[in-house]
Amino acid sequence: MVVLASLFGWLAAANYLRSNPWALVNRKVADDRSSPSWRSPTTKAFTPEAWRALKDELEREPSAREMRDLFPLSRSRLRWLCILCESTGLRAAELIAARREHIHVTRGGALLEVIGKGSRAREVPLPKVAIEATREYFAARGIDFDGAPPETPLLGSLRNSSEPLTYSSLYETFTRFVRRAVEHSSLEPDQQRAAMKASLHWLRHTHATRFAERGGDLDVLQANLGHSDPRTSARYYRTQIERRQAQVEKVFGDS
């Protein structure tokens, strides 16, 4: 319905149609209760407990067998990936395309220049924790962050740090990491099952969910994520079910 409304709006604006008949259509539709996503807009975000499990896995001492697959550079890369994505919400394609020359330092802090969907450019703030993690990751790759060539990818291949990681390799690396973290965690069974379904895009949802939960402003989130429609960002601001349950219990629990 959104696509059709946009199409008819464009046809009317281009004078192909004398008016936009779609403006008379009721676009409000009922929720699809057969879809699990109707209950919560953030079902594809890591819960705080699941995110803690990912961090714990990065701190866990790997076995000799695991060291063959997860050597220090890979661990450093995964740590950087989690920190950067949690604090920026970049899409996977944006992450792979990011280069050293795209980071600029201004009076207010560091910014990452991003070309998103539809070739739309935006600047994403990089908090200090993300810059520090990037410096540490570059150092692990044997690259001086300040003196790195402009074309150096932020996310490098293990075989050649000057070459960007491919999407398929990034996807496989991340999903293996999540499975390993879940298997070693003490998460409840339902959280384990949910986390096992995680994809790379969950990192973007996790950023947006944490940003909304911690009181970040809607217009800032919209600009950071590159959403053209504020309603897309606003869905993360629906009151979280756990908070609603806690509030109701607080008010009526002793009555």
Protein backbone atom coordinates (compact mmCIF):
# COMPACT_ATOMS: atom_id res chain seq x y z
CA MET A 1 0.00 0.00 0.00
CA VAL A 2 2.87 2.35 0.75
CA VAL A 3 4.46 1.58 -2.62
CA LEU A 4 1.21 2.17 -4.50
CA ALA A 5 0.58 5.42 -2.65
CA SER A 6 4.06 6.62 -3.60
CA LEU A 7 3.53 5.59 -7.21
CA PHE A 8 0.23 7.44 -7.57
CA GLY A 9 1.66 10.47 -5.79
CA TRP A 10 4.54 10.56 -8.27
CA LEU A 11 2.19 10.14 -11.28
CA ALA A 12 0.09 13.05 -10.07
CA ALA A 13 3.16 15.21 -9.41
CA ALA A 14 4.44 14.44 -12.92
CA ASN A 15 1.03 15.48 -14.36
CA TYR A 16 0.47 11.99 -15.76
CA LEU A 17 -2.71 11.97 -13.67
CA ARG A 18 -4.84 15.05 -13.04
CA SER A 19 -5.16 14.06 -9.37
CA ASN A 20 -4.10 11.34 -6.97
CA PRO A 21 -7.01 8.90 -6.43
CA TRP A 22 -4.96 7.02 -3.85
CA ALA A 23 -5.41 9.94 -1.46
CA LEU A 24 -9.02 8.75 -0.98
CA VAL A 25 -7.99 5.22 0.02
CA ASN A 26 -8.05 4.29 3.70
CA ARG A 27 -4.50 3.10 4.28
CA LYS A 28 -5.08 2.13 7.90
CA VAL A 29 -5.15 -1.65 8.11
CA ALA A 30 -5.49 -4.04 11.02
CA ASP A 31 -2.49 -5.80 12.51
CA ASP A 32 -1.71 -9.22 11.10
CA ARG A 33 -1.99 -11.33 14.23
CA SER A 34 -0.61 -14.34 12.39
CA SER A 35 2.72 -12.55 12.18
CA PRO A 36 4.92 -12.76 15.30
CA SER A 37 6.17 -9.22 14.68
CA TRP A 38 2.80 -7.60 15.49
CA ARG A 39 3.48 -8.01 19.20
CA SER A 40 6.71 -6.04 19.25
CA PRO A 41 8.60 -3.88 16.76
CA THR A 42 11.92 -4.95 18.28
CA THR A 43 11.72 -8.75 18.14
CA LYS A 44 14.79 -8.74 15.89
CA ALA A 45 17.00 -7.01 18.42
CA PHE A 46 19.28 -8.72 20.90
CA THR A 47 17.92 -8.50 24.42
CA PRO A 48 20.29 -7.00 27.02
CA GLU A 49 20.90 -10.54 28.33
CA ALA A 50 21.72 -11.90 24.88
CA TRP A 51 24.00 -8.95 24.17
CA ARG A 52 25.78 -9.62 27.45
CA ALA A 53 26.29 -13.21 26.29
CA LEU A 54 28.00 -11.95 23.12
CA LYS A 55 30.33 -9.76 25.17
CA ASP A 56 31.06 -12.60 27.58
CA GLU A 57 32.00 -14.83 24.64
CA LEU A 58 34.54 -12.26 23.48
CA GLU A 59 36.11 -12.31 26.96
CA ARG A 60 36.07 -16.11 27.29
CA GLU A 61 39.37 -17.91 26.86
CA PRO A 62 39.01 -20.14 23.76
CA SER A 63 40.11 -23.76 23.75
CA ALA A 64 43.07 -24.91 21.65
CA ARG A 65 40.66 -26.31 19.06
CA GLU A 66 38.73 -23.04 18.87
CA MET A 67 41.94 -21.05 18.51
CA ARG A 68 42.39 -22.59 15.06
CA ASP A 69 39.18 -20.87 13.95
CA LEU A 70 39.17 -17.84 16.26
CA PHE A 71 42.65 -16.37 16.47
CA PRO A 72 43.32 -12.97 18.07
CA LEU A 73 42.71 -10.85 14.95
CA SER A 74 39.33 -12.46 14.39
CA ARG A 75 38.42 -11.85 18.03
CA SER A 76 39.52 -8.21 17.74
CA ARG A 77 37.42 -7.81 14.61
CA LEU A 78 34.33 -9.26 16.26
CA ARG A 79 34.77 -7.03 19.29
CA TRP A 80 35.05 -3.97 17.03
CA LEU A 81 32.02 -5.09 15.01
CA CYS A 82 29.85 -5.36 18.12
CA ILE A 83 30.95 -2.01 19.54
CA LEU A 84 30.64 -0.09 16.28
CA CYS A 85 27.29 -1.55 15.27
CA GLU A 86 25.76 -1.13 18.72
CA SER A 87 26.73 2.56 18.71
CA THR A 88 25.96 3.42 15.07
CA GLY A 89 23.34 1.04 13.66
CA LEU A 90 25.04 0.81 10.27
CA ARG A 91 23.66 -1.52 7.63
CA ALA A 92 25.98 -4.38 6.62
CA ALA A 93 26.57 -2.85 3.17
CA GLU A 94 27.42 0.51 4.75
CA LEU A 95 29.83 -1.17 7.13
CA ILE A 96 31.63 -3.01 4.33
CA ALA A 97 31.88 0.17 2.24
CA ALA A 98 33.32 2.30 5.10
CA ARG A 99 36.91 3.50 4.62
CA ARG A 100 39.39 5.35 6.81
CA GLU A 101 38.88 8.53 4.76
CA HIS A 102 35.18 8.52 5.70
CA ILE A 103 35.97 9.32 9.35
CA HIS A 104 36.21 13.02 10.12
CA VAL A 105 36.88 14.74 13.42
CA THR A 106 34.95 17.94 14.19
CA ARG A 107 34.66 20.15 17.23
CA GLY A 108 31.78 17.99 18.50
CA GLY A 109 33.54 14.67 17.94
CA ALA A 110 34.07 12.09 15.22
CA LEU A 111 31.70 11.52 12.29
CA LEU A 112 31.47 8.69 9.78
CA GLU A 113 30.41 9.65 6.26
CA VAL A 114 27.96 7.04 4.95
CA ILE A 115 26.25 6.47 1.60
CA GLY A 116 23.06 4.59 2.39
CA LYS A 117 20.02 3.33 0.51
CA GLY A 118 19.16 5.26 -2.62
CA SER A 119 22.69 6.72 -2.63
CA ARG A 120 21.62 9.10 0.15
CA ALA A 121 24.57 10.53 2.08
CA ARG A 122 24.53 11.09 5.83
CA GLU A 123 26.96 11.57 8.68
CA VAL A 124 26.79 9.22 11.65
CA PRO A 125 28.31 10.29 14.99
CA LEU A 126 30.99 7.98 16.36
CA PRO A 127 31.13 7.96 20.17
CA LYS A 128 34.50 7.74 21.89
CA VAL A 129 34.07 4.02 22.59
CA ALA A 130 33.70 3.36 18.84
CA ILE A 131 36.79 5.40 17.96
CA GLU A 132 38.86 3.67 20.64
CA ALA A 133 37.71 0.25 19.43
CA THR A 134 38.57 1.23 15.85
CA ARG A 135 42.06 2.30 16.88
CA GLU A 136 42.59 -0.99 18.74
CA TYR A 137 41.31 -3.01 15.78
CA PHE A 138 43.61 -1.16 13.37
CA ALA A 139 46.53 -1.77 15.73
CA ALA A 140 45.70 -5.50 15.78
CA ARG A 141 45.88 -5.42 11.98
CA GLY A 142 49.29 -3.75 12.13
CA ILE A 143 47.93 -0.47 10.74
CA ASP A 144 48.48 2.98 12.19
CA PHE A 145 45.00 4.50 12.41
CA ASP A 146 46.17 8.11 12.00
CA GLY A 147 48.57 7.36 9.15
CA ALA A 148 46.49 4.72 7.35
CA PRO A 149 45.92 5.18 3.60
CA PRO A 150 42.54 6.84 2.91
CA GLU A 151 41.20 3.79 1.08
CA THR A 152 41.87 1.40 4.00
CA PRO A 153 38.62 -0.46 4.79
CA LEU A 154 37.39 -0.18 8.36
CA LEU A 155 36.38 -3.85 8.20
CA GLY A 156 39.26 -5.82 6.73
CA SER A 157 39.78 -9.36 5.56
CA LEU A 158 41.83 -11.64 7.80
CA ARG A 159 44.05 -12.67 4.90
CA ASN A 160 44.70 -9.12 3.71
CA SER A 161 43.80 -6.22 6.01
CA SER A 162 43.91 -3.78 3.12
CA GLU A 163 41.06 -5.62 1.42
CA PRO A 164 37.44 -5.26 2.61
CA LEU A 165 35.56 -8.24 3.98
CA THR A 166 32.85 -9.64 1.72
CA TYR A 167 29.22 -9.76 2.83
CA SER A 168 29.10 -13.57 2.74
CA SER A 169 32.22 -13.86 4.91
CA LEU A 170 30.88 -11.27 7.35
CA TYR A 171 27.53 -13.06 7.58
CA GLU A 172 29.12 -16.46 8.18
CA THR A 173 31.61 -15.10 10.73
CA PHE A 174 28.92 -13.30 12.71
CA THR A 175 26.37 -16.13 12.74
CA ARG A 176 29.03 -18.63 13.87
CA PHE A 177 30.03 -16.25 16.63
CA VAL A 178 26.43 -15.86 17.80
CA ARG A 179 25.85 -19.61 17.86
CA ARG A 180 29.04 -20.15 19.83
CA ALA A 181 28.09 -17.41 22.30
CA VAL A 182 24.60 -18.81 22.81
CA GLU A 183 25.89 -22.35 23.34
CA HIS A 184 28.26 -21.13 26.06
CA SER A 185 25.69 -18.85 27.71
CA SER A 186 23.21 -19.36 30.54
CA LEU A 187 20.36 -17.72 28.63
CA GLU A 188 16.82 -18.98 29.13
CA PRO A 189 15.71 -21.47 26.43
CA ASP A 190 13.36 -18.98 24.75
CA GLN A 191 16.12 -16.36 24.53
CA GLN A 192 18.52 -18.96 23.18
CA ARG A 193 16.07 -19.96 20.44
CA ALA A 194 15.50 -16.31 19.52
CA ALA A 195 19.21 -15.44 19.42
CA MET A 196 19.98 -18.48 17.26
CA LYS A 197 17.85 -16.87 14.52
CA ALA A 198 19.89 -13.66 14.58
CA SER A 199 21.26 -12.19 11.38
CA LEU A 200 23.57 -9.25 10.73
CA HIS A 201 20.58 -6.90 10.54
CA TRP A 202 19.83 -7.62 14.20
CA LEU A 203 22.78 -5.35 15.03
CA ARG A 204 20.96 -2.40 13.45
CA HIS A 205 17.75 -3.21 15.31
CA THR A 206 19.73 -3.56 18.55
CA HIS A 207 21.23 -0.10 18.16
CA ALA A 208 17.83 1.47 17.50
CA THR A 209 16.17 -0.39 20.38
CA ARG A 210 18.83 0.54 22.94
CA PHE A 211 18.84 4.14 21.72
CA ALA A 212 15.08 4.43 22.23
CA GLU A 213 15.12 2.58 25.57
CA ARG A 214 17.79 4.93 26.93
CA GLY A 215 15.86 8.07 26.04
CA GLY A 216 17.52 9.14 22.79
CA ASP A 217 15.55 11.65 20.70
CA LEU A 218 13.53 10.41 17.72
CA ASP A 219 14.93 12.96 15.24
CA VAL A 220 18.49 11.95 16.15
CA LEU A 221 17.75 8.25 15.64
CA GLN A 222 16.05 8.96 12.32
CA ALA A 223 19.08 10.93 11.08
CA ASN A 224 21.55 8.31 12.33
CA LEU A 225 19.74 5.41 10.67
CA GLY A 226 19.03 7.30 7.46
CA HIS A 227 15.26 6.74 7.58
CA SER A 228 13.37 8.99 5.16
CA ASP A 229 10.10 8.46 7.04
CA PRO A 230 10.10 9.26 10.79
CA ARG A 231 7.40 6.62 11.31
CA THR A 232 10.01 3.95 10.54
CA SER A 233 12.14 5.20 13.44
CA ALA A 234 9.14 5.87 15.69
CA ARG A 235 8.28 2.16 15.95
CA TYR A 236 11.26 1.69 18.26
CA TYR A 237 9.67 4.10 20.71
CA ARG A 238 6.62 2.00 21.45
CA THR A 239 6.76 1.29 25.14
CA GLN A 240 8.66 -1.93 25.74
CA ILE A 241 6.44 -4.72 27.06
CA GLU A 242 8.72 -5.35 30.05
CA ARG A 243 8.45 -1.71 31.10
CA ARG A 244 4.69 -1.82 30.72
CA GLN A 245 4.48 -4.96 32.83
CA ALA A 246 6.72 -3.44 35.52
CA GLN A 247 4.68 -0.22 35.61
CA VAL A 248 1.35 -2.06 35.91
CA GLU A 249 2.78 -4.31 38.63
CA LYS A 250 4.07 -1.26 40.49
CA VAL A 251 0.68 0.46 40.39
CA PHE A 252 -1.63 -2.50 40.98
CA GLY A 253 0.58 -5.25 42.38
CA ASP A 254 -0.36 -4.66 46.04
CA SER A 255 -4.03 -3.84 45.50
